[in-house]
Protein backbone atom coordinates (compact mmCIF):
# COMPACT_ATOMS: atom_id res chain seq x y z
CA MET A 1 -29.44 2.61 -19.52
CA ALA A 2 -26.39 1.19 -21.80
CA ASN A 3 -26.86 3.60 -24.50
CA GLU A 4 -27.28 6.78 -22.07
CA THR A 5 -24.33 8.94 -21.16
CA PRO A 6 -24.38 9.18 -17.72
CA THR A 7 -23.32 12.41 -15.64
CA LEU A 8 -21.01 11.52 -12.68
CA LEU A 9 -20.18 13.42 -9.62
CA ILE A 10 -17.21 11.93 -7.83
CA ILE A 11 -16.36 12.86 -4.04
CA GLY A 12 -12.79 12.55 -3.27
CA ALA A 13 -9.87 13.21 -5.12
CA GLY A 14 -7.53 10.30 -4.40
CA PRO A 15 -6.40 7.47 -6.75
CA GLY A 16 -9.89 5.75 -6.75
CA GLY A 17 -11.49 9.15 -7.08
CA TYR A 18 -9.24 10.44 -10.09
CA VAL A 19 -9.14 7.34 -11.69
CA ALA A 20 -12.75 7.19 -11.79
CA ALA A 21 -13.24 10.65 -13.11
CA ILE A 22 -10.71 10.17 -15.60
CA ARG A 23 -12.08 6.57 -16.91
CA ALA A 24 -15.42 8.37 -16.98
CA ALA A 25 -14.50 11.52 -19.02
CA GLN A 26 -12.74 8.99 -21.73
CA ARG A 27 -16.08 7.69 -22.25
CA GLY A 28 -18.04 11.07 -22.72
CA ALA A 29 -19.56 11.36 -19.49
CA ARG A 30 -19.74 14.80 -17.86
CA VAL A 31 -17.77 14.58 -14.66
CA THR A 32 -17.45 16.89 -11.86
CA LEU A 33 -14.72 15.99 -9.13
CA VAL A 34 -15.36 17.45 -5.55
CA SER A 35 -12.69 17.37 -2.88
CA ASP A 36 -11.52 19.32 0.06
CA ALA A 37 -7.87 18.07 -0.79
CA PRO A 38 -5.71 18.74 -3.78
CA PRO A 39 -6.00 16.43 -6.82
CA GLY A 40 -4.12 13.36 -5.67
CA GLY A 41 -5.84 13.14 -2.06
CA VAL A 42 -4.03 11.64 0.90
CA CYS A 43 -1.78 9.27 -1.18
CA LEU A 44 -0.29 11.87 -2.83
CA HIS A 45 -0.10 14.17 -0.36
CA LEU A 46 0.47 12.69 2.71
CA GLY A 47 0.96 8.98 2.15
CA CYS A 48 1.94 6.85 -0.77
CA ILE A 49 4.40 9.30 -2.89
CA PRO A 50 6.00 11.73 -0.16
CA THR A 51 6.68 8.51 2.04
CA LYS A 52 8.12 6.38 -1.04
CA ALA A 53 10.42 9.93 -1.93
CA LEU A 54 11.63 9.81 1.94
CA LEU A 55 12.61 6.19 1.54
CA ALA A 56 14.41 6.82 -2.04
CA SER A 57 16.63 9.26 -0.05
CA ALA A 58 17.27 6.56 2.79
CA GLU A 59 17.79 4.43 0.08
CA ALA A 60 20.48 6.42 -1.62
CA LEU A 61 22.06 7.06 1.96
CA ARG A 62 22.61 3.37 2.35
CA THR A 63 24.26 3.10 -1.13
CA VAL A 64 26.46 5.65 -0.35
CA GLN A 65 27.75 4.15 2.88
CA ARG A 66 28.17 1.00 1.47
CA ALA A 67 30.06 2.55 -1.63
CA SER A 68 33.34 0.91 -0.30
CA ASP A 69 31.59 -2.43 -0.67
CA PHE A 70 31.61 -2.11 -4.63
CA GLY A 71 35.16 -0.92 -4.73
CA VAL A 72 34.09 2.97 -4.68
CA ASP A 73 37.02 5.00 -3.10
CA ALA A 74 35.92 7.41 -0.77
CA ALA A 75 38.78 8.34 1.29
CA SER A 76 38.75 11.81 0.02
CA VAL A 77 35.15 12.33 1.79
CA SER A 78 36.13 14.00 5.43
CA ALA A 79 32.93 13.23 6.99
CA GLY A 80 30.66 10.19 6.68
CA PRO A 81 27.56 10.78 4.62
CA ARG A 82 24.21 11.34 6.41
CA LEU A 83 20.80 12.79 5.68
CA ALA A 84 19.50 16.32 5.90
CA ALA A 85 15.90 16.02 6.99
CA ASP A 86 15.01 19.50 5.52
CA ALA A 87 16.38 18.59 2.05
CA MET A 88 14.36 15.19 2.00
CA LEU A 89 11.49 16.94 2.55
CA ARG A 90 11.99 19.59 -0.19
CA ARG A 91 12.61 16.98 -2.50
CA ALA A 92 9.33 14.98 -1.51
CA ARG A 93 7.55 18.32 -1.64
CA LYS A 94 8.81 18.77 -5.16
CA VAL A 95 8.08 15.18 -6.48
CA THR A 96 4.26 15.34 -5.20
CA GLY A 97 3.96 18.96 -6.97
CA ALA A 98 5.18 17.46 -9.93
CA VAL A 99 2.58 14.56 -9.96
CA THR A 100 0.02 17.14 -8.95
CA LYS A 101 0.79 19.15 -11.89
CA GLY A 102 0.20 16.05 -13.94
CA LEU A 103 -2.93 15.25 -12.54
CA GLU A 104 -4.34 18.95 -12.97
CA PHE A 105 -3.09 18.63 -16.74
CA LEU A 106 -5.14 15.31 -17.26
CA PHE A 107 -8.30 17.13 -15.41
CA ARG A 108 -8.08 19.86 -17.81
CA LYS A 109 -7.47 17.80 -21.09
CA ASN A 110 -10.46 15.44 -20.11
CA GLY A 111 -12.76 18.31 -19.56
CA ILE A 112 -13.13 17.28 -15.82
CA GLN A 113 -14.62 20.06 -13.54
CA PHE A 114 -12.82 20.13 -10.07
CA VAL A 115 -14.56 21.75 -7.14
CA SER A 116 -12.79 22.48 -4.48
CA GLY A 117 -14.75 22.10 -1.02
CA ARG A 118 -16.27 19.51 1.35
CA ALA A 119 -19.24 17.85 -0.03
CA GLN A 120 -22.70 16.67 1.71
CA LEU A 121 -24.94 14.07 0.20
CA LEU A 122 -28.20 15.22 0.15
CA GLY A 123 -30.10 12.22 -1.68
CA GLY A 124 -31.80 12.38 -4.97
CA GLY A 125 -28.64 12.74 -6.85
CA ARG A 126 -27.89 15.83 -5.21
CA VAL A 127 -24.72 17.19 -3.46
CA GLN A 128 -24.27 20.32 -1.70
CA VAL A 129 -20.65 22.13 -1.58
CA GLY A 130 -20.68 25.20 0.14
CA ASP A 131 -23.67 27.29 -1.17
CA ASN A 132 -24.20 25.40 -4.24
CA VAL A 133 -26.13 22.20 -5.13
CA LEU A 134 -24.62 19.63 -7.86
CA THR A 135 -26.53 17.31 -9.32
CA ALA A 136 -25.75 13.89 -11.15
CA SER A 137 -26.99 10.74 -12.50
CA HIS A 138 -24.45 8.78 -10.60
CA ILE A 139 -22.52 9.59 -7.42
CA ILE A 140 -19.18 7.58 -6.62
CA LEU A 141 -17.80 8.32 -3.06
CA ALA A 142 -14.30 7.85 -2.93
CA THR A 143 -13.50 10.06 0.67
CA GLY A 144 -10.47 7.68 1.93
CA SER A 145 -9.31 7.41 5.21
CA ARG A 146 -7.63 9.08 8.14
CA PRO A 147 -5.05 8.10 10.75
CA ALA A 148 -6.73 6.02 13.59
CA PRO A 149 -6.73 7.72 16.84
CA SER A 150 -4.48 6.30 19.87
CA PRO A 151 -5.63 3.07 21.37
CA LYS A 152 -7.78 3.00 24.11
CA GLY A 153 -6.06 4.00 27.52
CA LEU A 154 -3.29 5.92 25.95
CA PRO A 155 -2.85 9.76 25.54
CA PRO A 156 -4.50 11.27 22.43
CA VAL A 157 -2.60 12.48 19.32
CA ASP A 158 -1.51 16.02 20.14
CA GLY A 159 0.50 16.68 17.01
CA GLN A 160 3.66 17.70 19.23
CA ARG A 161 5.09 14.79 20.90
CA ILE A 162 2.53 12.35 20.14
CA ILE A 163 1.92 12.20 16.48
CA ASN A 164 0.38 10.23 13.61
CA SER A 165 1.61 9.69 10.24
CA ASN A 166 0.41 13.28 8.86
CA HIS A 167 2.49 14.76 11.36
CA ALA A 168 5.58 12.64 10.77
CA LEU A 169 5.88 14.02 7.24
CA HIS A 170 6.46 17.56 8.34
CA LEU A 171 8.84 17.32 11.39
CA ALA A 172 11.38 20.05 11.20
CA GLU A 173 14.12 17.53 12.44
CA PRO A 174 14.05 13.73 13.36
CA PRO A 175 13.68 12.73 16.87
CA LYS A 176 16.69 11.58 18.85
CA LYS A 177 14.46 8.64 20.37
CA LEU A 178 11.14 7.43 18.66
CA LEU A 179 8.71 4.96 19.67
CA ILE A 180 6.33 3.65 17.02
CA ILE A 181 3.32 1.92 18.47
CA GLY A 182 1.86 -0.27 15.72
CA GLY A 183 4.16 -2.61 13.40
CA GLY A 184 1.81 -2.31 10.45
CA TYR A 185 2.91 -1.30 6.94
CA ILE A 186 2.90 2.25 7.85
CA GLY A 187 4.74 1.99 11.28
CA CYS A 188 7.45 -0.13 9.42
CA GLU A 189 7.79 2.43 6.75
CA PHE A 190 8.36 4.98 8.91
CA ALA A 191 10.75 3.11 11.25
CA CYS A 192 13.00 2.56 8.20
CA ILE A 193 12.86 6.35 7.22
CA PHE A 194 13.59 7.75 10.81
CA ARG A 195 16.24 4.99 11.52
CA ALA A 196 18.22 6.38 8.28
CA LEU A 197 18.13 10.10 9.64
CA GLY A 198 19.74 8.70 12.53
CA SER A 199 16.93 8.30 15.20
CA GLU A 200 17.00 5.62 17.86
CA VAL A 201 13.83 3.69 16.66
CA THR A 202 11.44 1.02 18.81
CA VAL A 203 8.61 -0.39 17.28
CA VAL A 204 5.89 -1.90 19.58
CA GLU A 205 3.17 -4.39 17.91
CA ALA A 206 0.48 -5.83 20.04
CA LEU A 207 0.06 -9.10 17.57
CA ALA A 208 2.65 -11.75 17.70
CA ASN A 209 4.33 -10.64 14.38
CA LEU A 210 5.23 -7.52 12.62
CA LEU A 211 3.30 -6.76 9.45
CA PRO A 212 -0.06 -8.57 10.64
CA GLY A 213 -2.29 -9.87 8.27
CA MET A 214 0.69 -11.03 6.19
CA ASP A 215 2.28 -14.35 6.10
CA ALA A 216 4.10 -14.64 9.53
CA GLU A 217 7.37 -15.66 7.69
CA LEU A 218 7.39 -12.19 6.16
CA GLY A 219 6.78 -10.35 9.74
CA ALA A 220 9.42 -12.68 11.43
CA ALA A 221 12.07 -11.71 8.71
CA MET A 222 11.28 -8.18 8.74
CA ALA A 223 11.87 -8.33 12.52
CA ARG A 224 15.44 -9.92 11.95
CA PHE A 225 16.12 -7.35 9.52
CA PHE A 226 14.97 -4.39 11.52
CA ARG A 227 17.29 -5.53 14.50
CA LYS A 228 20.16 -6.09 12.17
CA ALA A 229 19.46 -2.63 11.14
CA GLY A 230 19.34 -1.09 14.80
CA ILE A 231 15.92 -1.07 15.20
CA GLU A 232 14.13 -2.28 18.22
CA VAL A 233 11.32 -4.54 17.70
CA ARG A 234 8.96 -5.68 20.55
CA THR A 235 6.08 -8.00 19.34
CA GLY A 236 3.32 -9.24 21.51
CA GLU A 237 3.13 -6.23 23.60
CA THR A 238 0.83 -3.54 24.36
CA MET A 239 1.32 -0.30 26.15
CA SER A 240 -0.41 1.50 29.34
CA GLU A 241 1.81 4.52 29.04
CA PHE A 242 4.54 6.21 27.10
CA ASP A 243 8.18 5.96 28.14
CA PRO A 244 9.15 9.52 29.02
CA GLY A 245 12.44 8.73 27.11
CA PHE A 246 10.87 8.90 23.91
CA ASP A 247 11.19 12.41 22.20
CA ARG A 248 8.13 11.55 19.99
CA VAL A 249 5.69 8.94 19.78
CA LEU A 250 4.09 7.73 16.35
CA ILE A 251 0.70 6.40 16.54
CA SER A 252 0.39 4.03 13.71
CA VAL A 253 -2.47 1.68 14.38
CA GLY A 254 -4.40 1.78 11.07
CA ARG A 255 -6.84 4.04 9.34
CA VAL A 256 -10.29 5.06 9.87
CA PRO A 257 -13.01 5.77 6.94
CA ASN A 258 -13.98 9.17 6.24
CA THR A 259 -17.74 8.44 5.98
CA GLY A 260 -19.36 10.08 9.29
CA ASP A 261 -19.97 13.58 7.92
CA ILE A 262 -20.82 13.37 4.15
CA GLY A 263 -24.48 12.72 4.77
CA CYS A 264 -24.71 9.02 4.17
CA ASP A 265 -27.84 8.83 6.37
CA ALA A 266 -29.49 11.36 4.44
CA ALA A 267 -28.70 9.60 0.94
CA GLY A 268 -29.82 6.25 2.10
CA VAL A 269 -26.38 4.81 2.11
CA LYS A 270 -25.67 2.08 4.77
CA LEU A 271 -22.59 1.76 6.79
CA THR A 272 -21.14 -1.20 8.74
CA ALA A 273 -20.63 -1.16 12.40
CA ARG A 274 -16.79 0.09 11.84
CA GLY A 275 -18.07 3.09 9.34
CA HIS A 276 -17.32 1.66 6.01
CA VAL A 277 -19.58 1.95 3.26
CA GLU A 278 -21.59 -1.27 2.49
CA VAL A 279 -21.06 -2.26 -1.20
CA ASN A 280 -21.77 -5.24 -3.41
CA ASP A 281 -19.41 -6.75 -5.96
CA ARG A 282 -20.41 -4.11 -8.42
CA MET A 283 -19.38 -1.39 -5.99
CA GLU A 284 -23.11 -0.40 -5.74
CA THR A 285 -24.37 1.16 -2.04
CA SER A 286 -27.66 0.54 -0.93
CA ALA A 287 -28.61 3.85 -2.49
CA PRO A 288 -29.38 3.52 -6.20
CA GLY A 289 -27.13 5.35 -8.20
CA ILE A 290 -24.34 5.89 -5.63
CA TYR A 291 -21.24 3.85 -5.51
CA ALA A 292 -18.39 3.77 -3.22
CA ILE A 293 -14.87 3.00 -3.68
CA GLY A 294 -11.35 3.06 -1.91
CA ASP A 295 -10.70 3.06 1.75
CA ILE A 296 -14.45 3.75 2.95
CA VAL A 297 -15.14 0.23 1.57
CA GLY A 298 -12.78 -1.46 4.08
CA ARG A 299 -11.51 -4.26 1.35
CA PHE A 300 -7.89 -4.29 0.65
CA PRO A 301 -7.36 -0.31 1.50
CA LEU A 302 -4.63 0.45 -1.06
CA ALA A 303 -4.25 3.04 -3.81
CA HIS A 304 -4.32 0.48 -6.73
CA VAL A 305 -7.18 -1.62 -5.34
CA ALA A 306 -9.26 1.53 -5.36
CA SER A 307 -7.96 2.39 -9.07
CA ALA A 308 -9.31 -0.96 -9.73
CA GLN A 309 -12.77 -0.48 -8.04
CA ALA A 310 -13.07 2.97 -9.85
CA ARG A 311 -12.97 1.06 -13.17
CA VAL A 312 -15.65 -1.29 -12.18
CA ALA A 313 -18.02 1.62 -10.68
CA VAL A 314 -17.69 3.56 -13.73
CA ALA A 315 -18.30 0.19 -16.03
CA ASN A 316 -21.65 -0.12 -14.02
CA ALA A 317 -22.50 3.53 -14.25
CA PHE A 318 -22.51 3.24 -18.09
CA GLY A 319 -24.97 0.25 -17.79
CA GLU A 320 -22.50 -2.69 -17.89
CA SER A 321 -21.95 -5.42 -15.66
CA SER A 322 -18.73 -5.41 -13.76
CA THR A 323 -17.72 -7.04 -10.76
CA MET A 324 -14.63 -7.09 -8.50
CA ASP A 325 -12.14 -9.51 -8.04
CA TYR A 326 -9.89 -9.45 -5.24
CA THR A 327 -8.26 -12.74 -5.91
CA ALA A 328 -4.91 -11.19 -7.14
CA ALA A 329 -4.65 -7.88 -5.12
CA PRO A 330 -1.04 -7.41 -4.33
CA GLY A 331 0.09 -5.39 -1.37
CA VAL A 332 3.71 -3.80 -0.98
CA VAL A 333 5.52 -2.67 2.03
CA PHE A 334 8.37 -0.19 1.20
CA THR A 335 10.75 -0.97 3.79
CA HIS A 336 14.42 -2.22 3.38
CA PRO A 337 14.27 -4.99 2.37
CA GLU A 338 11.13 -4.60 0.56
CA VAL A 339 8.07 -7.08 1.31
CA ALA A 340 5.10 -7.82 -1.17
CA SER A 341 2.40 -10.38 -0.98
CA VAL A 342 -0.75 -11.48 -3.12
CA GLY A 343 -3.24 -14.07 -3.20
CA LEU A 344 -3.37 -16.53 -0.25
CA ASN A 345 -0.66 -17.28 2.01
CA GLU A 346 0.02 -20.65 3.70
CA ALA A 347 -2.12 -20.41 6.63
CA GLU A 348 -5.26 -18.90 4.76
CA ALA A 349 -4.77 -21.53 2.18
CA GLN A 350 -4.91 -24.20 4.72
CA ALA A 351 -7.75 -22.64 6.62
CA GLN A 352 -9.89 -23.06 3.47
CA GLY A 353 -9.28 -26.85 3.73
CA ARG A 354 -6.47 -26.70 0.68
CA ALA A 355 -3.93 -29.04 0.35
CA VAL A 356 -1.02 -27.14 -0.54
CA ARG A 357 2.71 -27.23 -1.92
CA VAL A 358 4.99 -24.54 -0.78
CA GLY A 359 8.08 -23.64 -2.99
CA LYS A 360 10.66 -21.18 -1.28
CA PHE A 361 13.92 -19.83 -2.88
CA PRO A 362 16.35 -17.67 -0.98
CA MET A 363 17.60 -14.50 -3.00
CA ALA A 364 21.25 -15.24 -1.35
CA ALA A 365 21.22 -17.93 -4.27
CA LEU A 366 20.89 -15.63 -6.92
CA GLY A 367 24.01 -14.35 -9.01
CA ARG A 368 22.17 -11.02 -8.95
CA ALA A 369 21.80 -10.84 -5.49
CA GLN A 370 25.48 -11.77 -4.75
CA ALA A 371 26.58 -9.30 -7.34
CA SER A 372 24.42 -6.46 -6.34
CA GLY A 373 25.13 -6.87 -2.48
CA GLU A 374 21.22 -7.46 -1.67
CA THR A 375 21.23 -11.05 -0.60
CA ASP A 376 18.42 -10.73 2.16
CA GLY A 377 15.11 -12.28 1.90
CA PHE A 378 13.20 -15.00 -0.26
CA VAL A 379 10.43 -15.79 -2.59
CA LYS A 380 7.56 -18.30 -1.30
CA LEU A 381 4.88 -19.66 -3.88
CA VAL A 382 1.97 -21.35 -2.23
CA ILE A 383 0.35 -23.96 -4.58
CA ASP A 384 -2.57 -26.09 -4.81
CA ALA A 385 -1.43 -29.61 -4.34
CA GLU A 386 -4.13 -31.06 -6.81
CA THR A 387 -4.33 -28.43 -9.38
CA HIS A 388 -0.83 -27.13 -9.22
CA ARG A 389 -2.40 -23.64 -9.63
CA VAL A 390 -0.54 -21.01 -8.01
CA LEU A 391 -2.87 -19.66 -5.19
CA GLY A 392 -0.45 -16.99 -3.35
CA GLY A 393 2.94 -15.54 -3.23
CA GLN A 394 4.88 -13.70 -0.74
CA ILE A 395 8.25 -11.97 -1.10
CA ILE A 396 11.02 -10.28 0.90
CA GLY A 397 14.12 -8.82 -0.66
CA PRO A 398 15.21 -6.45 -3.13
CA ALA A 399 12.64 -5.08 -5.69
CA ALA A 400 9.94 -7.00 -3.98
CA GLY A 401 7.34 -4.60 -5.06
CA GLU A 402 8.19 -4.93 -8.73
CA LEU A 403 8.66 -8.65 -8.71
CA ILE A 404 5.01 -9.49 -7.25
CA ALA A 405 3.89 -8.31 -10.44
CA ALA A 406 4.92 -11.44 -12.14
CA ILE A 407 3.32 -13.61 -9.47
CA THR A 408 -0.10 -11.52 -9.73
CA LEU A 409 -0.20 -12.11 -13.36
CA ALA A 410 0.18 -15.83 -12.75
CA ILE A 411 -2.71 -15.93 -10.36
CA SER A 412 -4.85 -13.94 -12.68
CA LEU A 413 -4.27 -15.92 -15.51
CA GLY A 414 -4.74 -19.24 -13.36
CA ALA A 415 -1.37 -20.19 -14.33
CA THR A 416 0.26 -23.49 -12.73
CA ALA A 417 3.69 -24.18 -11.00
CA GLU A 418 4.76 -25.86 -14.04
CA GLN A 419 4.19 -22.76 -16.30
CA VAL A 420 5.76 -20.55 -13.97
CA ALA A 421 8.68 -22.58 -13.62
CA HIS A 422 9.02 -23.25 -17.64
CA THR A 423 8.77 -19.43 -18.22
CA ILE A 424 12.15 -18.12 -19.19
CA PHE A 425 13.42 -15.36 -16.58
CA SER A 426 16.39 -13.12 -17.94
CA HIS A 427 19.66 -13.78 -16.18
CA PRO A 428 21.09 -12.62 -14.09
CA THR A 429 17.84 -10.98 -12.50
CA TYR A 430 16.06 -11.19 -9.15
CA ALA A 431 13.02 -12.58 -11.21
CA GLU A 432 14.78 -15.73 -11.44
CA ALA A 433 13.74 -16.62 -7.79
CA ILE A 434 10.10 -16.76 -8.87
CA GLY A 435 11.08 -19.48 -11.42
CA GLU A 436 13.31 -21.41 -8.72
CA ALA A 437 10.52 -21.11 -5.96
CA ALA A 438 7.94 -22.85 -8.49
CA GLU A 439 10.41 -25.61 -9.16
CA ALA A 440 11.56 -25.66 -5.22
CA ALA A 441 7.70 -26.62 -4.86
CA PHE A 442 8.47 -30.01 -6.68
CA GLY A 443 12.17 -30.44 -5.32
CA SER A 444 13.94 -29.52 -8.43
CA PRO A 445 15.42 -26.04 -8.27
CA VAL A 446 18.68 -25.48 -9.92
CA HIS A 447 20.48 -23.14 -7.54
CA ILE A 448 19.87 -24.57 -4.08
CA TYR A 449 19.72 -28.37 -3.05
CA LEU A 450 16.49 -29.85 -1.62
CA PRO A 451 16.46 -33.88 -0.87
CA LYS A 452 14.47 -35.47 -3.11
CA ARG A 453 10.93 -35.85 -1.94
CA VAL A 454 9.44 -39.30 -1.41
């Protein structure tokens, strides 16, 4: 098999799907990509990219509002700056359009056939799309996910007053009062967007902290910063009905996999009780020749993880032996301030029976943070007390999504805290906080005082 060139049929055009298609085509495979959504899938058209475009608009407003703090004379401006929802949405559509055209160009250049339609597995390497039946030696499932419905006992999403994240991207104007059910990354990002648009925002999270699943310190800090920004946060609460005083209610309680109507039973693809596709670490399903990647797998439902899974699946389709490693899979929440995490947090490491050291460094102690007026947040490193290897890192603060890459690389390479501390970080930058956090784990940071460890 290693010497044969496979034919690949990929179902789903999100990040996992198009990365798999391009990787396979680069290696000489004949590739067909089937999707009932445009190239880029949910991530490009209803998720990652449009929300980040909207958040960029919110950040631009925040910068303008603080102009006088930086010595910019705004006295000639007769009215305070504000965001225009329609202009923000036009810009977001322009951004997604540009990225879509880039993907279409790559498909053409790599000889990838794009078939628009809904795919149905038939078994035996066959897939039906409309009236046509396509065949391939290998199939990769990458059908993604959709917003979860309202929690049990609450009114269903109607697209009018009660909406999900898809609807939120197409509102003609921001609601005066918005209730967000769910304080995960999607709910928190939309809280920032609509607060910037002038909405009165309330976030309700059933668990004890915002951003459940992340380090508790990150969620607690996010709640403090939200309240400072005028966002009401209610954690540890569930709702049995919606307050009629809210114009809109955004249901943001996670996502569910798109596996129920693609013919998994007919093809012998086993699903979990929650509807995810069962796979091994080679991304193989229970059906020979069929792989699954992305949100439908249920492990780290993030675009960049789907892309990594795509590389593993394609390599194995070519007869290699590649496995997926989630040890250093980062996650980022694009709020203000940003939040990022990778590897184990403190509680997770302790639950594994590990003795750990923690190094923590506040952004406010950095010259760059003071100069930029972005002093909120901290960097936290979780370090194995015996080997001194970096086990995880958590960041809340400016550029957290960029900074987490350095910690991700350190974990991937098995670096120790000493190696991170001895790395020369440019000055003045936010990245210096990573080196200082590593030093703080052993009581010797330069820019904050810590009592000597006994």
